[in-house]
Amino acid sequence: MAKIDITRTELVWPGKYNEDGTRKEVPRVSLPFQVIERINESRASREAKKTLLYLGIGQNSRKRV
């Protein structure tokens, strides 16, 4: 096996490096992760929008004469 120059601490296990001392490619696995939606909005602003929509003062409302 080739001499590996150690410059820092690392985890080493059998099969991490090839015979010439280069790292082996890690096999990638496709995992079914759950997508979580994150909304950065405060509760106060959500309540204010609900109130405005309830009163008919929303963005899509029109002034009626």
PDB file of N, CA and C in Angstrom:
ATOM      1  N   MET A   1       0.844  -1.181   0.000  1.00  0.00           N
ATOM      2  CA  MET A   1       0.000   0.000   0.000  1.00  0.00           C
ATOM      3  C   MET A   1       0.889   1.243   0.000  1.00  0.00           C
ATOM      4  N   ALA A   2       0.438   2.294  -0.670  1.00  0.00           N
ATOM      5  CA  ALA A   2       1.208   3.523  -0.784  1.00  0.00           C
ATOM      6  C   ALA A   2       1.218   4.269   0.547  1.00  0.00           C
ATOM      7  N   LYS A   3       2.286   5.028   0.764  1.00  0.00           N
ATOM      8  CA  LYS A   3       2.395   5.818   1.995  1.00  0.00           C
ATOM      9  C   LYS A   3       1.475   7.025   1.884  1.00  0.00           C
ATOM     10  N   ILE A   4       0.675   7.242   2.913  1.00  0.00           N
ATOM     11  CA  ILE A   4      -0.270   8.358   2.930  1.00  0.00           C
ATOM     12  C   ILE A   4       0.278   9.424   3.873  1.00  0.00           C
ATOM     13  N   ASP A   5       0.410  10.652   3.370  1.00  0.00           N
ATOM     14  CA  ASP A   5       0.911  11.758   4.179  1.00  0.00           C
ATOM     15  C   ASP A   5      -0.219  12.262   5.079  1.00  0.00           C
ATOM     16  N   ILE A   6      -0.028  12.183   6.386  1.00  0.00           N
ATOM     17  CA  ILE A   6      -1.063  12.587   7.343  1.00  0.00           C
ATOM     18  C   ILE A   6      -0.819  14.033   7.746  1.00  0.00           C
ATOM     19  N   THR A   7      -1.766  14.909   7.397  1.00  0.00           N
ATOM     20  CA  THR A   7      -1.646  16.326   7.751  1.00  0.00           C
ATOM     21  C   THR A   7      -2.690  16.755   8.768  1.00  0.00           C
ATOM     22  N   ARG A   8      -3.733  15.947   8.948  1.00  0.00           N
ATOM     23  CA  ARG A   8      -4.770  16.279   9.934  1.00  0.00           C
ATOM     24  C   ARG A   8      -5.453  14.991  10.371  1.00  0.00           C
ATOM     25  N   THR A   9      -6.238  15.083  11.425  1.00  0.00           N
ATOM     26  CA  THR A   9      -6.954  13.926  11.942  1.00  0.00           C
ATOM     27  C   THR A   9      -8.158  13.633  11.063  1.00  0.00           C
ATOM     28  N   GLU A  10      -8.382  12.361  10.726  1.00  0.00           N
ATOM     29  CA  GLU A  10      -9.527  11.971   9.921  1.00  0.00           C
ATOM     30  C   GLU A  10      -9.927  10.539  10.246  1.00  0.00           C
ATOM     31  N   LEU A  11     -11.145  10.204   9.912  1.00  0.00           N
ATOM     32  CA  LEU A  11     -11.607   8.831  10.072  1.00  0.00           C
ATOM     33  C   LEU A  11     -11.141   8.022   8.871  1.00  0.00           C
ATOM     34  N   VAL A  12     -10.518   6.894   9.126  1.00  0.00           N
ATOM     35  CA  VAL A  12     -10.028   6.022   8.063  1.00  0.00           C
ATOM     36  C   VAL A  12     -10.565   4.626   8.316  1.00  0.00           C
ATOM     37  N   TRP A  13     -11.102   3.990   7.274  1.00  0.00           N
ATOM     38  CA  TRP A  13     -11.626   2.640   7.373  1.00  0.00           C
ATOM     39  C   TRP A  13     -11.143   1.840   6.174  1.00  0.00           C
ATOM     40  N   PRO A  14     -11.129   0.538   6.308  1.00  0.00           N
ATOM     41  CA  PRO A  14     -10.684  -0.300   5.185  1.00  0.00           C
ATOM     42  C   PRO A  14     -11.571  -0.072   3.960  1.00  0.00           C
ATOM     43  N   GLY A  15     -10.955   0.207   2.834  1.00  0.00           N
ATOM     44  CA  GLY A  15     -11.695   0.434   1.600  1.00  0.00           C
ATOM     45  C   GLY A  15     -11.949   1.900   1.302  1.00  0.00           C
ATOM     46  N   LYS A  16     -11.500   2.827   2.169  1.00  0.00           N
ATOM     47  CA  LYS A  16     -11.693   4.258   1.911  1.00  0.00           C
ATOM     48  C   LYS A  16     -10.753   4.738   0.807  1.00  0.00           C
ATOM     49  N   TYR A  17      -9.546   4.167   0.762  1.00  0.00           N
ATOM     50  CA  TYR A  17      -8.542   4.583  -0.222  1.00  0.00           C
ATOM     51  C   TYR A  17      -8.223   3.455  -1.192  1.00  0.00           C
ATOM     52  N   ASN A  18      -7.882   3.814  -2.431  1.00  0.00           N
ATOM     53  CA  ASN A  18      -7.409   2.852  -3.429  1.00  0.00           C
ATOM     54  C   ASN A  18      -5.985   2.431  -3.087  1.00  0.00           C
ATOM     55  N   GLU A  19      -5.453   1.515  -3.860  1.00  0.00           N
ATOM     56  CA  GLU A  19      -4.077   1.042  -3.657  1.00  0.00           C
ATOM     57  C   GLU A  19      -3.052   2.147  -3.848  1.00  0.00           C
ATOM     58  N   ASP A  20      -3.359   3.122  -4.720  1.00  0.00           N
ATOM     59  CA  ASP A  20      -2.403   4.210  -4.964  1.00  0.00           C
ATOM     60  C   ASP A  20      -2.549   5.364  -3.974  1.00  0.00           C
ATOM     61  N   GLY A  21      -3.459   5.256  -3.007  1.00  0.00           N
ATOM     62  CA  GLY A  21      -3.603   6.280  -1.976  1.00  0.00           C
ATOM     63  C   GLY A  21      -4.666   7.320  -2.248  1.00  0.00           C
ATOM     64  N   THR A  22      -5.357   7.223  -3.381  1.00  0.00           N
ATOM     65  CA  THR A  22      -6.446   8.163  -3.670  1.00  0.00           C
ATOM     66  C   THR A  22      -7.747   7.642  -3.081  1.00  0.00           C
ATOM     67  N   ARG A  23      -8.640   8.563  -2.733  1.00  0.00           N
ATOM     68  CA  ARG A  23      -9.909   8.162  -2.140  1.00  0.00           C
ATOM     69  C   ARG A  23     -10.821   7.516  -3.167  1.00  0.00           C
ATOM     70  N   LYS A  24     -11.541   6.500  -2.736  1.00  0.00           N
ATOM     71  CA  LYS A  24     -12.514   5.840  -3.599  1.00  0.00           C
ATOM     72  C   LYS A  24     -13.785   6.670  -3.686  1.00  0.00           C
ATOM     73  N   GLU A  25     -14.477   6.539  -4.797  1.00  0.00           N
ATOM     74  CA  GLU A  25     -15.763   7.216  -4.978  1.00  0.00           C
ATOM     75  C   GLU A  25     -16.808   6.523  -4.108  1.00  0.00           C
ATOM     76  N   VAL A  26     -17.620   7.320  -3.427  1.00  0.00           N
ATOM     77  CA  VAL A  26     -18.657   6.787  -2.546  1.00  0.00           C
ATOM     78  C   VAL A  26     -19.903   6.490  -3.373  1.00  0.00           C
ATOM     79  N   PRO A  27     -20.459   5.291  -3.259  1.00  0.00           N
ATOM     80  CA  PRO A  27     -21.696   5.007  -3.997  1.00  0.00           C
ATOM     81  C   PRO A  27     -22.856   5.825  -3.427  1.00  0.00           C
ATOM     82  N   ARG A  28     -23.592   6.471  -4.301  1.00  0.00           N
ATOM     83  CA  ARG A  28     -24.726   7.315  -3.887  1.00  0.00           C
ATOM     84  C   ARG A  28     -26.007   6.503  -3.914  1.00  0.00           C
ATOM     85  N   VAL A  29     -26.859   6.752  -2.927  1.00  0.00           N
ATOM     86  CA  VAL A  29     -28.120   6.034  -2.815  1.00  0.00           C
ATOM     87  C   VAL A  29     -29.248   7.061  -2.853  1.00  0.00           C
ATOM     88  N   SER A  30     -30.274   6.795  -3.622  1.00  0.00           N
ATOM     89  CA  SER A  30     -31.432   7.682  -3.697  1.00  0.00           C
ATOM     90  C   SER A  30     -32.407   7.309  -2.584  1.00  0.00           C
ATOM     91  N   LEU A  31     -32.624   8.234  -1.655  1.00  0.00           N
ATOM     92  CA  LEU A  31     -33.520   7.984  -0.524  1.00  0.00           C
ATOM     93  C   LEU A  31     -34.770   8.851  -0.647  1.00  0.00           C
ATOM     94  N   PRO A  32     -35.929   8.322  -0.268  1.00  0.00           N
ATOM     95  CA  PRO A  32     -37.178   9.094  -0.369  1.00  0.00           C
ATOM     96  C   PRO A  32     -37.363  10.009   0.840  1.00  0.00           C
ATOM     97  N   PHE A  33     -36.805  11.213   0.787  1.00  0.00           N
ATOM     98  CA  PHE A  33     -36.948  12.156   1.884  1.00  0.00           C
ATOM     99  C   PHE A  33     -38.269  12.899   1.782  1.00  0.00           C
ATOM    100  N   GLN A  34     -38.796  13.282   2.916  1.00  0.00           N
ATOM    101  CA  GLN A  34     -40.042  14.044   2.958  1.00  0.00           C
ATOM    102  C   GLN A  34     -39.714  15.520   2.766  1.00  0.00           C
ATOM    103  N   VAL A  35     -40.495  16.203   1.948  1.00  0.00           N
ATOM    104  CA  VAL A  35     -40.302  17.618   1.710  1.00  0.00           C
ATOM    105  C   VAL A  35     -41.135  18.386   2.739  1.00  0.00           C
ATOM    106  N   ILE A  36     -40.475  19.293   3.445  1.00  0.00           N
ATOM    107  CA  ILE A  36     -41.163  20.095   4.448  1.00  0.00           C
ATOM    108  C   ILE A  36     -41.162  21.533   3.965  1.00  0.00           C
ATOM    109  N   GLU A  37     -42.349  22.127   3.913  1.00  0.00           N
ATOM    110  CA  GLU A  37     -42.463  23.514   3.470  1.00  0.00           C
ATOM    111  C   GLU A  37     -42.284  24.414   4.676  1.00  0.00           C
ATOM    112  N   ARG A  38     -41.476  25.437   4.525  1.00  0.00           N
ATOM    113  CA  ARG A  38     -41.212  26.359   5.625  1.00  0.00           C
ATOM    114  C   ARG A  38     -41.612  27.757   5.186  1.00  0.00           C
ATOM    115  N   ILE A  39     -42.444  28.400   5.984  1.00  0.00           N
ATOM    116  CA  ILE A  39     -42.916  29.739   5.674  1.00  0.00           C
ATOM    117  C   ILE A  39     -42.463  30.666   6.790  1.00  0.00           C
ATOM    118  N   ASN A  40     -41.740  31.710   6.423  1.00  0.00           N
ATOM    119  CA  ASN A  40     -41.250  32.676   7.402  1.00  0.00           C
ATOM    120  C   ASN A  40     -42.243  33.833   7.491  1.00  0.00           C
ATOM    121  N   GLU A  41     -43.256  33.643   8.293  1.00  0.00           N
ATOM    122  CA  GLU A  41     -44.288  34.656   8.459  1.00  0.00           C
ATOM    123  C   GLU A  41     -44.764  34.585   9.903  1.00  0.00           C
ATOM    124  N   SER A  42     -44.923  35.733  10.523  1.00  0.00           N
ATOM    125  CA  SER A  42     -45.331  35.728  11.919  1.00  0.00           C
ATOM    126  C   SER A  42     -46.837  35.495  12.039  1.00  0.00           C
ATOM    127  N   ARG A  43     -47.252  35.056  13.213  1.00  0.00           N
ATOM    128  CA  ARG A  43     -48.665  34.804  13.456  1.00  0.00           C
ATOM    129  C   ARG A  43     -49.463  36.114  13.371  1.00  0.00           C
ATOM    130  N   ALA A  44     -48.890  37.214  13.846  1.00  0.00           N
ATOM    131  CA  ALA A  44     -49.578  38.509  13.821  1.00  0.00           C
ATOM    132  C   ALA A  44     -49.884  38.948  12.394  1.00  0.00           C
ATOM    133  N   SER A  45     -48.919  38.780  11.481  1.00  0.00           N
ATOM    134  CA  SER A  45     -49.167  39.200  10.102  1.00  0.00           C
ATOM    135  C   SER A  45     -50.202  38.291   9.433  1.00  0.00           C
ATOM    136  N   ARG A  46     -50.215  36.985   9.767  1.00  0.00           N
ATOM    137  CA  ARG A  46     -51.242  36.089   9.224  1.00  0.00           C
ATOM    138  C   ARG A  46     -52.624  36.492   9.717  1.00  0.00           C
ATOM    139  N   GLU A  47     -52.742  36.809  10.997  1.00  0.00           N
ATOM    140  CA  GLU A  47     -54.030  37.210  11.554  1.00  0.00           C
ATOM    141  C   GLU A  47     -54.498  38.526  10.938  1.00  0.00           C
ATOM    142  N   ALA A  48     -53.579  39.449  10.697  1.00  0.00           N
ATOM    143  CA  ALA A  48     -53.944  40.734  10.087  1.00  0.00           C
ATOM    144  C   ALA A  48     -54.460  40.521   8.670  1.00  0.00           C
ATOM    145  N   LYS A  49     -53.831  39.638   7.911  1.00  0.00           N
ATOM    146  CA  LYS A  49     -54.302  39.349   6.556  1.00  0.00           C
ATOM    147  C   LYS A  49     -55.688  38.724   6.577  1.00  0.00           C
ATOM    148  N   LYS A  50     -55.923  37.808   7.527  1.00  0.00           N
ATOM    149  CA  LYS A  50     -57.240  37.186   7.638  1.00  0.00           C
ATOM    150  C   LYS A  50     -58.307  38.227   7.930  1.00  0.00           C
ATOM    151  N   THR A  51     -57.988  39.143   8.828  1.00  0.00           N
ATOM    152  CA  THR A  51     -58.944  40.197   9.187  1.00  0.00           C
ATOM    153  C   THR A  51     -59.239  41.093   7.993  1.00  0.00           C
ATOM    154  N   LEU A  52     -58.207  41.478   7.263  1.00  0.00           N
ATOM    155  CA  LEU A  52     -58.400  42.343   6.097  1.00  0.00           C
ATOM    156  C   LEU A  52     -59.204  41.633   5.019  1.00  0.00           C
ATOM    157  N   LEU A  53     -58.949  40.364   4.807  1.00  0.00           N
ATOM    158  CA  LEU A  53     -59.705  39.620   3.811  1.00  0.00           C
ATOM    159  C   LEU A  53     -61.157  39.448   4.242  1.00  0.00           C
ATOM    160  N   TYR A  54     -61.371  39.250   5.538  1.00  0.00           N
ATOM    161  CA  TYR A  54     -62.730  39.103   6.059  1.00  0.00           C
ATOM    162  C   TYR A  54     -63.516  40.394   5.873  1.00  0.00           C
ATOM    163  N   LEU A  55     -62.862  41.536   6.064  1.00  0.00           N
ATOM    164  CA  LEU A  55     -63.529  42.832   5.918  1.00  0.00           C
ATOM    165  C   LEU A  55     -63.616  43.267   4.457  1.00  0.00           C
ATOM    166  N   GLY A  56     -62.984  42.546   3.549  1.00  0.00           N
ATOM    167  CA  GLY A  56     -63.033  42.896   2.129  1.00  0.00           C
ATOM    168  C   GLY A  56     -62.018  43.936   1.741  1.00  0.00           C
ATOM    169  N   ILE A  57     -60.946  44.065   2.491  1.00  0.00           N
ATOM    170  CA  ILE A  57     -59.920  45.059   2.202  1.00  0.00           C
ATOM    171  C   ILE A  57     -58.661  44.356   1.707  1.00  0.00           C
ATOM    172  N   GLY A  58     -58.818  43.301   0.952  1.00  0.00           N
ATOM    173  CA  GLY A  58     -57.671  42.541   0.460  1.00  0.00           C
ATOM    174  C   GLY A  58     -57.042  43.174  -0.752  1.00  0.00           C
ATOM    175  N   GLN A  59     -56.049  42.544  -1.313  1.00  0.00           N
ATOM    176  CA  GLN A  59     -55.337  43.071  -2.474  1.00  0.00           C
ATOM    177  C   GLN A  59     -56.206  43.070  -3.721  1.00  0.00           C
ATOM    178  N   ASN A  60     -57.125  42.118  -3.833  1.00  0.00           N
ATOM    179  CA  ASN A  60     -57.935  41.997  -5.037  1.00  0.00           C
ATOM    180  C   ASN A  60     -59.297  42.681  -4.912  1.00  0.00           C
ATOM    181  N   SER A  61     -59.530  43.343  -3.808  1.00  0.00           N
ATOM    182  CA  SER A  61     -60.839  43.971  -3.634  1.00  0.00           C
ATOM    183  C   SER A  61     -60.902  45.275  -4.432  1.00  0.00           C
ATOM    184  N   ARG A  62     -62.109  45.660  -4.876  1.00  0.00           N
ATOM    185  CA  ARG A  62     -62.298  46.884  -5.624  1.00  0.00           C
ATOM    186  C   ARG A  62     -63.231  47.793  -4.850  1.00  0.00           C
ATOM    187  N   LYS A  63     -63.051  49.062  -5.041  1.00  0.00           N
ATOM    188  CA  LYS A  63     -63.932  50.037  -4.407  1.00  0.00           C
ATOM    189  C   LYS A  63     -65.240  50.061  -5.183  1.00  0.00           C
ATOM    190  N   ARG A  64     -66.317  49.887  -4.493  1.00  0.00           N
ATOM    191  CA  ARG A  64     -67.614  49.900  -5.167  1.00  0.00           C
ATOM    192  C   ARG A  64     -68.338  51.190  -4.848  1.00  0.00           C
ATOM    193  N   VAL A  65     -68.905  51.791  -5.866  1.00  0.00           N
ATOM    194  CA  VAL A  65     -69.605  53.071  -5.689  1.00  0.00           C
ATOM    195  C   VAL A  65     -71.085  52.850  -5.679  1.00  0.00           C
TER     196      VAL A  65
END
